[in-house]
PDB file of all heavy atoms in Angstrom:
ATOM      1  N   ASP A   1     -53.501  44.685 118.252  1.00  0.00           N
ATOM      2  CA  ASP A   1     -54.844  45.227 118.506  1.00  0.00           C
ATOM      3  C   ASP A   1     -55.775  44.987 117.317  1.00  0.00           C
ATOM      4  O   ASP A   1     -56.933  44.614 117.503  1.00  0.00           O
ATOM      5  CB  ASP A   1     -54.783  46.719 118.818  1.00  0.00           C
ATOM      6  CG  ASP A   1     -54.179  47.006 120.177  1.00  0.00           C
ATOM      7  OD1 ASP A   1     -54.183  46.111 121.042  1.00  0.00           O
ATOM      8  OD2 ASP A   1     -53.701  48.147 120.380  1.00  0.00           O
ATOM      9  N   GLN A   2     -55.286  45.200 116.109  1.00  0.00           N
ATOM     10  CA  GLN A   2     -56.101  44.967 114.920  1.00  0.00           C
ATOM     11  C   GLN A   2     -56.501  43.498 114.816  1.00  0.00           C
ATOM     12  O   GLN A   2     -57.648  43.177 114.495  1.00  0.00           O
ATOM     13  CB  GLN A   2     -55.343  45.372 113.652  1.00  0.00           C
ATOM     14  CG  GLN A   2     -55.148  46.848 113.483  1.00  0.00           C
ATOM     15  CD  GLN A   2     -54.210  47.172 112.329  1.00  0.00           C
ATOM     16  OE1 GLN A   2     -53.295  46.404 112.003  1.00  0.00           O
ATOM     17  NE2 GLN A   2     -54.424  48.334 111.707  1.00  0.00           N
ATOM     18  N   ALA A   3     -55.552  42.611 115.085  1.00  0.00           N
ATOM     19  CA  ALA A   3     -55.827  41.182 115.006  1.00  0.00           C
ATOM     20  C   ALA A   3     -56.870  40.759 116.031  1.00  0.00           C
ATOM     21  O   ALA A   3     -57.821  40.037 115.701  1.00  0.00           O
ATOM     22  CB  ALA A   3     -54.540  40.384 115.198  1.00  0.00           C
ATOM     23  N   VAL A   4     -56.731  41.213 117.262  1.00  0.00           N
ATOM     24  CA  VAL A   4     -57.691  40.851 118.309  1.00  0.00           C
ATOM     25  C   VAL A   4     -59.076  41.395 117.957  1.00  0.00           C
ATOM     26  O   VAL A   4     -60.077  40.683 118.105  1.00  0.00           O
ATOM     27  CB  VAL A   4     -57.215  41.353 119.692  1.00  0.00           C
ATOM     28  CG1 VAL A   4     -58.324  41.231 120.726  1.00  0.00           C
ATOM     29  CG2 VAL A   4     -55.989  40.573 120.141  1.00  0.00           C
ATOM     30  N   ASN A   5     -59.158  42.623 117.474  1.00  0.00           N
ATOM     31  CA  ASN A   5     -60.457  43.186 117.079  1.00  0.00           C
ATOM     32  C   ASN A   5     -61.095  42.383 115.947  1.00  0.00           C
ATOM     33  O   ASN A   5     -62.299  42.115 115.967  1.00  0.00           O
ATOM     34  CB  ASN A   5     -60.313  44.647 116.664  1.00  0.00           C
ATOM     35  CG  ASN A   5     -60.076  45.559 117.841  1.00  0.00           C
ATOM     36  OD1 ASN A   5     -60.432  45.242 118.972  1.00  0.00           O
ATOM     37  ND2 ASN A   5     -59.460  46.698 117.584  1.00  0.00           N
ATOM     38  N   LYS A   6     -60.299  41.998 114.973  1.00  0.00           N
ATOM     39  CA  LYS A   6     -60.814  41.214 113.851  1.00  0.00           C
ATOM     40  C   LYS A   6     -61.319  39.855 114.328  1.00  0.00           C
ATOM     41  O   LYS A   6     -62.396  39.401 113.921  1.00  0.00           O
ATOM     42  CB  LYS A   6     -59.721  41.047 112.793  1.00  0.00           C
ATOM     43  CG  LYS A   6     -60.193  40.431 111.513  1.00  0.00           C
ATOM     44  CD  LYS A   6     -59.116  40.514 110.446  1.00  0.00           C
ATOM     45  CE  LYS A   6     -59.647  39.993 109.119  1.00  0.00           C
ATOM     46  NZ  LYS A   6     -58.674  40.134 108.041  1.00  0.00           N
ATOM     47  N   ILE A   7     -60.558  39.218 115.203  1.00  0.00           N
ATOM     48  CA  ILE A   7     -60.958  37.910 115.741  1.00  0.00           C
ATOM     49  C   ILE A   7     -62.247  38.039 116.553  1.00  0.00           C
ATOM     50  O   ILE A   7     -63.166  37.223 116.418  1.00  0.00           O
ATOM     51  CB  ILE A   7     -59.817  37.314 116.593  1.00  0.00           C
ATOM     52  CG1 ILE A   7     -58.608  37.008 115.717  1.00  0.00           C
ATOM     53  CG2 ILE A   7     -60.290  36.062 117.325  1.00  0.00           C
ATOM     54  CD1 ILE A   7     -57.320  36.781 116.491  1.00  0.00           C
ATOM     55  N   GLU A   8     -62.334  39.061 117.392  1.00  0.00           N
ATOM     56  CA  GLU A   8     -63.539  39.259 118.201  1.00  0.00           C
ATOM     57  C   GLU A   8     -64.762  39.504 117.323  1.00  0.00           C
ATOM     58  O   GLU A   8     -65.860  39.023 117.641  1.00  0.00           O
ATOM     59  CB  GLU A   8     -63.338  40.395 119.202  1.00  0.00           C
ATOM     60  CG  GLU A   8     -62.419  40.013 120.340  1.00  0.00           C
ATOM     61  CD  GLU A   8     -62.112  41.149 121.295  1.00  0.00           C
ATOM     62  OE1 GLU A   8     -62.225  42.334 120.896  1.00  0.00           O
ATOM     63  OE2 GLU A   8     -61.752  40.847 122.447  1.00  0.00           O
ATOM     64  N   ASN A   9     -64.604  40.225 116.218  1.00  0.00           N
ATOM     65  CA  ASN A   9     -65.718  40.447 115.297  1.00  0.00           C
ATOM     66  C   ASN A   9     -66.175  39.140 114.650  1.00  0.00           C
ATOM     67  O   ASN A   9     -67.376  38.913 114.485  1.00  0.00           O
ATOM     68  CB  ASN A   9     -65.353  41.473 114.226  1.00  0.00           C
ATOM     69  CG  ASN A   9     -65.328  42.883 114.762  1.00  0.00           C
ATOM     70  OD1 ASN A   9     -66.015  43.196 115.724  1.00  0.00           O
ATOM     71  ND2 ASN A   9     -64.529  43.737 114.154  1.00  0.00           N
ATOM     72  N   ILE A  10     -65.235  38.287 114.286  1.00  0.00           N
ATOM     73  CA  ILE A  10     -65.581  36.988 113.709  1.00  0.00           C
ATOM     74  C   ILE A  10     -66.323  36.141 114.739  1.00  0.00           C
ATOM     75  O   ILE A  10     -67.311  35.479 114.417  1.00  0.00           O
ATOM     76  CB  ILE A  10     -64.308  36.252 113.213  1.00  0.00           C
ATOM     77  CG1 ILE A  10     -63.667  37.018 112.057  1.00  0.00           C
ATOM     78  CG2 ILE A  10     -64.623  34.819 112.827  1.00  0.00           C
ATOM     79  CD1 ILE A  10     -64.455  37.041 110.775  1.00  0.00           C
ATOM     80  N   ILE A  11     -65.863  36.160 115.985  1.00  0.00           N
ATOM     81  CA  ILE A  11     -66.540  35.401 117.036  1.00  0.00           C
ATOM     82  C   ILE A  11     -67.980  35.884 117.201  1.00  0.00           C
ATOM     83  O   ILE A  11     -68.910  35.072 117.305  1.00  0.00           O
ATOM     84  CB  ILE A  11     -65.778  35.508 118.377  1.00  0.00           C
ATOM     85  CG1 ILE A  11     -64.418  34.811 118.285  1.00  0.00           C
ATOM     86  CG2 ILE A  11     -66.595  34.911 119.520  1.00  0.00           C
ATOM     87  CD1 ILE A  11     -63.503  35.095 119.461  1.00  0.00           C
ATOM     88  N   LYS A  12     -68.181  37.189 117.216  1.00  0.00           N
ATOM     89  CA  LYS A  12     -69.536  37.754 117.363  1.00  0.00           C
ATOM     90  C   LYS A  12     -70.457  37.312 116.241  1.00  0.00           C
ATOM     91  O   LYS A  12     -71.634  37.047 116.457  1.00  0.00           O
ATOM     92  CB  LYS A  12     -69.478  39.282 117.387  1.00  0.00           C
ATOM     93  CG  LYS A  12     -68.982  39.870 118.664  1.00  0.00           C
ATOM     94  CD  LYS A  12     -68.952  41.388 118.564  1.00  0.00           C
ATOM     95  CE  LYS A  12     -68.163  41.992 119.699  1.00  0.00           C
ATOM     96  NZ  LYS A  12     -67.991  43.443 119.548  1.00  0.00           N
ATOM     97  N   LYS A  13     -69.928  37.241 115.017  1.00  0.00           N
ATOM     98  CA  LYS A  13     -70.739  36.902 113.853  1.00  0.00           C
ATOM     99  C   LYS A  13     -70.946  35.399 113.669  1.00  0.00           C
ATOM    100  O   LYS A  13     -71.800  34.993 112.882  1.00  0.00           O
ATOM    101  CB  LYS A  13     -70.101  37.486 112.597  1.00  0.00           C
ATOM    102  CG  LYS A  13     -70.113  38.996 112.569  1.00  0.00           C
ATOM    103  CD  LYS A  13     -69.403  39.519 111.346  1.00  0.00           C
ATOM    104  CE  LYS A  13     -69.326  41.040 111.377  1.00  0.00           C
ATOM    105  NZ  LYS A  13     -68.553  41.567 110.254  1.00  0.00           N
ATOM    106  N   ALA A  14     -70.178  34.586 114.368  1.00  0.00           N
ATOM    107  CA  ALA A  14     -70.275  33.132 114.199  1.00  0.00           C
ATOM    108  C   ALA A  14     -71.622  32.628 114.717  1.00  0.00           C
ATOM    109  O   ALA A  14     -72.055  32.986 115.800  1.00  0.00           O
ATOM    110  CB  ALA A  14     -69.135  32.439 114.940  1.00  0.00           C
ATOM    111  N   ASP A  15     -72.275  31.784 113.898  1.00  0.00           N
ATOM    112  CA  ASP A  15     -73.536  31.211 114.340  1.00  0.00           C
ATOM    113  C   ASP A  15     -73.319  29.786 114.863  1.00  0.00           C
ATOM    114  O   ASP A  15     -72.187  29.327 114.976  1.00  0.00           O
ATOM    115  CB  ASP A  15     -74.588  31.273 113.223  1.00  0.00           C
ATOM    116  CG  ASP A  15     -74.222  30.435 112.008  1.00  0.00           C
ATOM    117  OD1 ASP A  15     -73.365  29.542 112.111  1.00  0.00           O
ATOM    118  OD2 ASP A  15     -74.813  30.675 110.942  1.00  0.00           O
ATOM    119  N   ARG A  16     -74.403  29.099 115.177  1.00  0.00           N
ATOM    120  CA  ARG A  16     -74.311  27.770 115.792  1.00  0.00           C
ATOM    121  C   ARG A  16     -73.672  26.722 114.894  1.00  0.00           C
ATOM    122  O   ARG A  16     -73.215  25.693 115.374  1.00  0.00           O
ATOM    123  CB  ARG A  16     -75.708  27.283 116.201  1.00  0.00           C
ATOM    124  CG  ARG A  16     -76.285  27.974 117.388  1.00  0.00           C
ATOM    125  CD  ARG A  16     -75.676  27.550 118.707  1.00  0.00           C
ATOM    126  NE  ARG A  16     -75.748  26.115 118.915  1.00  0.00           N
ATOM    127  CZ  ARG A  16     -74.868  25.436 119.634  1.00  0.00           C
ATOM    128  NH1 ARG A  16     -73.866  26.047 120.201  1.00  0.00           N
ATOM    129  NH2 ARG A  16     -74.989  24.141 119.785  1.00  0.00           N
ATOM    130  N   SER A  17     -73.653  26.957 113.585  1.00  0.00           N
ATOM    131  CA  SER A  17     -73.049  25.977 112.686  1.00  0.00           C
ATOM    132  C   SER A  17     -71.517  26.012 112.747  1.00  0.00           C
ATOM    133  O   SER A  17     -70.863  25.070 112.320  1.00  0.00           O
ATOM    134  CB  SER A  17     -73.522  26.196 111.253  1.00  0.00           C
ATOM    135  OG  SER A  17     -73.071  27.445 110.771  1.00  0.00           O
ATOM    136  N   THR A  18     -70.948  27.077 113.274  1.00  0.00           N
ATOM    137  CA  THR A  18     -69.493  27.202 113.387  1.00  0.00           C
ATOM    138  C   THR A  18     -69.044  26.635 114.723  1.00  0.00           C
ATOM    139  O   THR A  18     -69.541  27.028 115.769  1.00  0.00           O
ATOM    140  CB  THR A  18     -69.068  28.675 113.283  1.00  0.00           C
ATOM    141  OG1 THR A  18     -69.510  29.194 112.037  1.00  0.00           O
ATOM    142  CG2 THR A  18     -67.560  28.823 113.396  1.00  0.00           C
ATOM    143  N   TYR A  19     -68.129  25.684 114.688  1.00  0.00           N
ATOM    144  CA  TYR A  19     -67.619  25.124 115.934  1.00  0.00           C
ATOM    145  C   TYR A  19     -66.150  25.434 116.187  1.00  0.00           C
ATOM    146  O   TYR A  19     -65.645  25.208 117.286  1.00  0.00           O
ATOM    147  CB  TYR A  19     -67.874  23.616 116.016  1.00  0.00           C
ATOM    148  CG  TYR A  19     -67.161  22.779 114.987  1.00  0.00           C
ATOM    149  CD1 TYR A  19     -65.865  22.334 115.203  1.00  0.00           C
ATOM    150  CD2 TYR A  19     -67.799  22.415 113.815  1.00  0.00           C
ATOM    151  CE1 TYR A  19     -65.220  21.570 114.263  1.00  0.00           C
ATOM    152  CE2 TYR A  19     -67.160  21.635 112.877  1.00  0.00           C
ATOM    153  CZ  TYR A  19     -65.870  21.210 113.107  1.00  0.00           C
ATOM    154  OH  TYR A  19     -65.229  20.445 112.173  1.00  0.00           O
ATOM    155  N   ARG A  20     -65.470  26.007 115.193  1.00  0.00           N
ATOM    156  CA  ARG A  20     -64.044  26.287 115.372  1.00  0.00           C
ATOM    157  C   ARG A  20     -63.633  27.475 114.526  1.00  0.00           C
ATOM    158  O   ARG A  20     -64.076  27.613 113.391  1.00  0.00           O
ATOM    159  CB  ARG A  20     -63.242  25.053 114.967  1.00  0.00           C
ATOM    160  CG  ARG A  20     -61.798  25.087 115.358  1.00  0.00           C
ATOM    161  CD  ARG A  20     -61.161  23.736 115.097  1.00  0.00           C
ATOM    162  NE  ARG A  20     -61.696  22.750 116.016  1.00  0.00           N
ATOM    163  CZ  ARG A  20     -60.978  22.110 116.935  1.00  0.00           C
ATOM    164  NH1 ARG A  20     -59.689  22.331 117.030  1.00  0.00           N
ATOM    165  NH2 ARG A  20     -61.536  21.232 117.733  1.00  0.00           N
ATOM    166  N   ILE A  21     -62.785  28.324 115.091  1.00  0.00           N
ATOM    167  CA  ILE A  21     -62.192  29.428 114.346  1.00  0.00           C
ATOM    168  C   ILE A  21     -60.687  29.215 114.355  1.00  0.00           C
ATOM    169  O   ILE A  21     -60.070  29.149 115.423  1.00  0.00           O
ATOM    170  CB  ILE A  21     -62.562  30.794 114.962  1.00  0.00           C
ATOM    171  CG1 ILE A  21     -64.076  31.004 114.911  1.00  0.00           C
ATOM    172  CG2 ILE A  21     -61.823  31.919 114.242  1.00  0.00           C
ATOM    173  CD1 ILE A  21     -64.558  32.229 115.641  1.00  0.00           C
ATOM    174  N   ARG A  22     -60.129  29.074 113.179  1.00  0.00           N
ATOM    175  CA  ARG A  22     -58.688  28.832 113.022  1.00  0.00           C
ATOM    176  C   ARG A  22     -58.014  30.162 112.694  1.00  0.00           C
ATOM    177  O   ARG A  22     -58.274  30.752 111.649  1.00  0.00           O
ATOM    178  CB  ARG A  22     -58.461  27.814 111.909  1.00  0.00           C
ATOM    179  CG  ARG A  22     -57.021  27.432 111.700  1.00  0.00           C
ATOM    180  CD  ARG A  22     -56.906  26.276 110.736  1.00  0.00           C
ATOM    181  NE  ARG A  22     -57.538  25.100 111.311  1.00  0.00           N
ATOM    182  CZ  ARG A  22     -58.322  24.256 110.640  1.00  0.00           C
ATOM    183  NH1 ARG A  22     -58.591  24.462 109.374  1.00  0.00           N
ATOM    184  NH2 ARG A  22     -58.856  23.218 111.239  1.00  0.00           N
ATOM    185  N   VAL A  23     -57.158  30.620 113.606  1.00  0.00           N
ATOM    186  CA  VAL A  23     -56.465  31.898 113.429  1.00  0.00           C
ATOM    187  C   VAL A  23     -55.042  31.608 112.956  1.00  0.00           C
ATOM    188  O   VAL A  23     -54.269  30.944 113.655  1.00  0.00           O
ATOM    189  CB  VAL A  23     -56.430  32.705 114.746  1.00  0.00           C
ATOM    190  CG1 VAL A  23     -55.731  34.031 114.523  1.00  0.00           C
ATOM    191  CG2 VAL A  23     -57.838  32.911 115.290  1.00  0.00           C
ATOM    192  N   ILE A  24     -54.715  32.108 111.783  1.00  0.00           N
ATOM    193  CA  ILE A  24     -53.374  31.938 111.220  1.00  0.00           C
ATOM    194  C   ILE A  24     -52.625  33.234 111.486  1.00  0.00           C
ATOM    195  O   ILE A  24     -52.922  34.273 110.907  1.00  0.00           O
ATOM    196  CB  ILE A  24     -53.447  31.634 109.715  1.00  0.00           C
ATOM    197  CG1 ILE A  24     -54.322  30.399 109.481  1.00  0.00           C
ATOM    198  CG2 ILE A  24     -52.049  31.455 109.135  1.00  0.00           C
ATOM    199  CD1 ILE A  24     -54.756  30.200 108.060  1.00  0.00           C
ATOM    200  N   HIS A  25     -51.669  33.166 112.414  1.00  0.00           N
ATOM    201  CA  HIS A  25     -50.965  34.376 112.836  1.00  0.00           C
ATOM    202  C   HIS A  25     -49.478  34.318 112.575  1.00  0.00           C
ATOM    203  O   HIS A  25     -48.793  35.321 112.671  1.00  0.00           O
ATOM    204  CB  HIS A  25     -51.208  34.646 114.326  1.00  0.00           C
ATOM    205  CG  HIS A  25     -51.015  33.456 115.201  1.00  0.00           C
ATOM    206  ND1 HIS A  25     -49.782  32.916 115.479  1.00  0.00           N
ATOM    207  CD2 HIS A  25     -51.927  32.700 115.845  1.00  0.00           C
ATOM    208  CE1 HIS A  25     -49.939  31.869 116.283  1.00  0.00           C
ATOM    209  NE2 HIS A  25     -51.241  31.716 116.514  1.00  0.00           N
ATOM    210  N   GLY A  26     -48.945  33.176 112.230  1.00  0.00           N
ATOM    211  CA  GLY A  26     -47.515  33.035 111.985  1.00  0.00           C
ATOM    212  C   GLY A  26     -46.738  32.986 113.294  1.00  0.00           C
ATOM    213  O   GLY A  26     -47.280  33.216 114.370  1.00  0.00           O
ATOM    214  N   PHE A  27     -45.448  32.655 113.170  1.00  0.00           N
ATOM    215  CA  PHE A  27     -44.622  32.595 114.375  1.00  0.00           C
ATOM    216  C   PHE A  27     -43.203  33.081 114.151  1.00  0.00           C
ATOM    217  O   PHE A  27     -42.439  33.214 115.095  1.00  0.00           O
ATOM    218  CB  PHE A  27     -44.612  31.172 114.952  1.00  0.00           C
ATOM    219  CG  PHE A  27     -43.919  30.155 114.085  1.00  0.00           C
ATOM    220  CD1 PHE A  27     -42.592  29.822 114.304  1.00  0.00           C
ATOM    221  CD2 PHE A  27     -44.594  29.546 113.048  1.00  0.00           C
ATOM    222  CE1 PHE A  27     -41.960  28.890 113.507  1.00  0.00           C
ATOM    223  CE2 PHE A  27     -43.966  28.604 112.253  1.00  0.00           C
ATOM    224  CZ  PHE A  27     -42.652  28.286 112.480  1.00  0.00           C
ATOM    225  N   HIS A  28     -42.846  33.396 112.935  1.00  0.00           N
ATOM    226  CA  HIS A  28     -41.468  33.812 112.663  1.00  0.00           C
ATOM    227  C   HIS A  28     -41.131  35.179 113.251  1.00  0.00           C
ATOM    228  O   HIS A  28     -39.984  35.456 113.551  1.00  0.00           O
ATOM    229  CB  HIS A  28     -41.190  33.810 111.160  1.00  0.00           C
ATOM    230  CG  HIS A  28     -41.106  32.442 110.586  1.00  0.00           C
ATOM    231  ND1 HIS A  28     -40.118  31.552 110.919  1.00  0.00           N
ATOM    232  CD2 HIS A  28     -41.900  31.794 109.708  1.00  0.00           C
ATOM    233  CE1 HIS A  28     -40.298  30.425 110.275  1.00  0.00           C
ATOM    234  NE2 HIS A  28     -41.373  30.547 109.532  1.00  0.00           N
ATOM    235  N   ARG A  29     -42.104  36.023 113.418  1.00  0.00           N
ATOM    236  CA  ARG A  29     -41.858  37.363 113.961  1.00  0.00           C
ATOM    237  C   ARG A  29     -42.292  37.479 115.413  1.00  0.00           C
ATOM    238  O   ARG A  29     -42.567  38.560 115.904  1.00  0.00           O
ATOM    239  CB  ARG A  29     -42.584  38.404 113.118  1.00  0.00           C
ATOM    240  CG  ARG A  29     -42.022  38.475 111.725  1.00  0.00           C
ATOM    241  CD  ARG A  29     -42.665  39.567 110.943  1.00  0.00           C
ATOM    242  NE  ARG A  29     -42.128  39.529 109.588  1.00  0.00           N
ATOM    243  CZ  ARG A  29     -41.815  40.589 108.909  1.00  0.00           C
ATOM    244  NH1 ARG A  29     -41.995  41.779 109.421  1.00  0.00           N
ATOM    245  NH2 ARG A  29     -41.341  40.479 107.694  1.00  0.00           N
ATOM    246  N   GLY A  30     -42.385  36.380 116.098  1.00  0.00           N
ATOM    247  CA  GLY A  30     -42.770  36.392 117.509  1.00  0.00           C
ATOM    248  C   GLY A  30     -44.189  35.895 117.700  1.00  0.00           C
ATOM    249  O   GLY A  30     -44.899  35.607 116.746  1.00  0.00           O
ATOM    250  N   ASN A  31     -44.568  35.804 118.941  1.00  0.00           N
ATOM    251  CA  ASN A  31     -45.889  35.262 119.242  1.00  0.00           C
ATOM    252  C   ASN A  31     -46.776  36.287 119.956  1.00  0.00           C
ATOM    253  O   ASN A  31     -47.577  35.937 120.802  1.00  0.00           O
ATOM    254  CB  ASN A  31     -45.758  33.983 120.063  1.00  0.00           C
ATOM    255  CG  ASN A  31     -44.966  34.179 121.328  1.00  0.00           C
ATOM    256  OD1 ASN A  31     -44.407  35.244 121.566  1.00  0.00           O
ATOM    257  ND2 ASN A  31     -44.908  33.155 122.157  1.00  0.00           N
ATOM    258  N   HIS A  32     -46.654  37.529 119.588  1.00  0.00           N
ATOM    259  CA  HIS A  32     -47.437  38.592 120.230  1.00  0.00           C
ATOM    260  C   HIS A  32     -48.936  38.385 120.030  1.00  0.00           C
ATOM    261  O   HIS A  32     -49.711  38.543 120.971  1.00  0.00           O
ATOM    262  CB  HIS A  32     -47.032  39.968 119.694  1.00  0.00           C
ATOM    263  CG  HIS A  32     -45.579  40.263 119.865  1.00  0.00           C
ATOM    264  ND1 HIS A  32     -45.019  40.508 121.092  1.00  0.00           N
ATOM    265  CD2 HIS A  32     -44.574  40.323 118.962  1.00  0.00           C
ATOM    266  CE1 HIS A  32     -43.723  40.722 120.941  1.00  0.00           C
ATOM    267  NE2 HIS A  32     -43.416  40.608 119.654  1.00  0.00           N
ATOM    268  N   ILE A  33     -49.339  38.059 118.815  1.00  0.00           N
ATOM    269  CA  ILE A  33     -50.764  37.869 118.543  1.00  0.00           C
ATOM    270  C   ILE A  33     -51.277  36.629 119.272  1.00  0.00           C
ATOM    271  O   ILE A  33     -52.351  36.661 119.877  1.00  0.00           O
ATOM    272  CB  ILE A  33     -51.033  37.796 117.023  1.00  0.00           C
ATOM    273  CG1 ILE A  33     -50.745  39.159 116.391  1.00  0.00           C
ATOM    274  CG2 ILE A  33     -52.467  37.351 116.741  1.00  0.00           C
ATOM    275  CD1 ILE A  33     -50.841  39.197 114.884  1.00  0.00           C
ATOM    276  N   GLN A  34     -50.512  35.569 119.258  1.00  0.00           N
ATOM    277  CA  GLN A  34     -50.927  34.354 119.972  1.00  0.00           C
ATOM    278  C   GLN A  34     -51.100  34.638 121.465  1.00  0.00           C
ATOM    279  O   GLN A  34     -52.097  34.237 122.066  1.00  0.00           O
ATOM    280  CB  GLN A  34     -49.903  33.248 119.754  1.00  0.00           C
ATOM    281  CG  GLN A  34     -50.312  31.938 120.401  1.00  0.00           C
ATOM    282  CD  GLN A  34     -49.267  30.865 120.185  1.00  0.00           C
ATOM    283  OE1 GLN A  34     -48.068  31.152 120.151  1.00  0.00           O
ATOM    284  NE2 GLN A  34     -49.709  29.635 120.029  1.00  0.00           N
ATOM    285  N   ASN A  35     -50.160  35.334 122.055  1.00  0.00           N
ATOM    286  CA  ASN A  35     -50.276  35.686 123.475  1.00  0.00           C
ATOM    287  C   ASN A  35     -51.505  36.554 123.732  1.00  0.00           C
ATOM    288  O   ASN A  35     -52.200  36.378 124.739  1.00  0.00           O
ATOM    289  CB  ASN A  35     -49.020  36.413 123.954  1.00  0.00           C
ATOM    290  CG  ASN A  35     -47.818  35.506 124.040  1.00  0.00           C
ATOM    291  OD1 ASN A  35     -47.946  34.283 124.107  1.00  0.00           O
ATOM    292  ND2 ASN A  35     -46.638  36.091 124.017  1.00  0.00           N
ATOM    293  N   ALA A  36     -51.784  37.479 122.821  1.00  0.00           N
ATOM    294  CA  ALA A  36     -52.951  38.352 122.983  1.00  0.00           C
ATOM    295  C   ALA A  36     -54.252  37.562 122.887  1.00  0.00           C
ATOM    296  O   ALA A  36     -55.215  37.855 123.595  1.00  0.00           O
ATOM    297  CB  ALA A  36     -52.928  39.458 121.936  1.00  0.00           C
ATOM    298  N   ILE A  37     -54.280  36.546 122.038  1.00  0.00           N
ATOM    299  CA  ILE A  37     -55.473  35.702 121.939  1.00  0.00           C
ATOM    300  C   ILE A  37     -55.755  35.048 123.288  1.00  0.00           C
ATOM    301  O   ILE A  37     -56.883  35.078 123.786  1.00  0.00           O
ATOM    302  CB  ILE A  37     -55.302  34.638 120.835  1.00  0.00           C
ATOM    303  CG1 ILE A  37     -55.297  35.297 119.458  1.00  0.00           C
ATOM    304  CG2 ILE A  37     -56.404  33.574 120.929  1.00  0.00           C
ATOM    305  CD1 ILE A  37     -54.889  34.376 118.330  1.00  0.00           C
ATOM    306  N   TYR A  38     -54.739  34.467 123.896  1.00  0.00           N
ATOM    307  CA  TYR A  38     -54.926  33.828 125.204  1.00  0.00           C
ATOM    308  C   TYR A  38     -55.292  34.859 126.273  1.00  0.00           C
ATOM    309  O   TYR A  38     -56.152  34.607 127.114  1.00  0.00           O
ATOM    310  CB  TYR A  38     -53.654  33.081 125.617  1.00  0.00           C
ATOM    311  CG  TYR A  38     -53.505  31.743 124.945  1.00  0.00           C
ATOM    312  CD1 TYR A  38     -52.761  31.614 123.779  1.00  0.00           C
ATOM    313  CD2 TYR A  38     -54.098  30.611 125.483  1.00  0.00           C
ATOM    314  CE1 TYR A  38     -52.622  30.383 123.159  1.00  0.00           C
ATOM    315  CE2 TYR A  38     -53.963  29.376 124.871  1.00  0.00           C
ATOM    316  CZ  TYR A  38     -53.224  29.263 123.719  1.00  0.00           C
ATOM    317  OH  TYR A  38     -53.086  28.046 123.104  1.00  0.00           O
TER     318      TYR A  38
END
């Protein structure tokens, strides 16, 4: 939940000069954050 909220805040603040947001979430402890992003 914290990760999704943080990502959504970054998306809201992104202006037209930003074309990509790279989220580094790791994968050794599972893919819960990645699944939540999708």
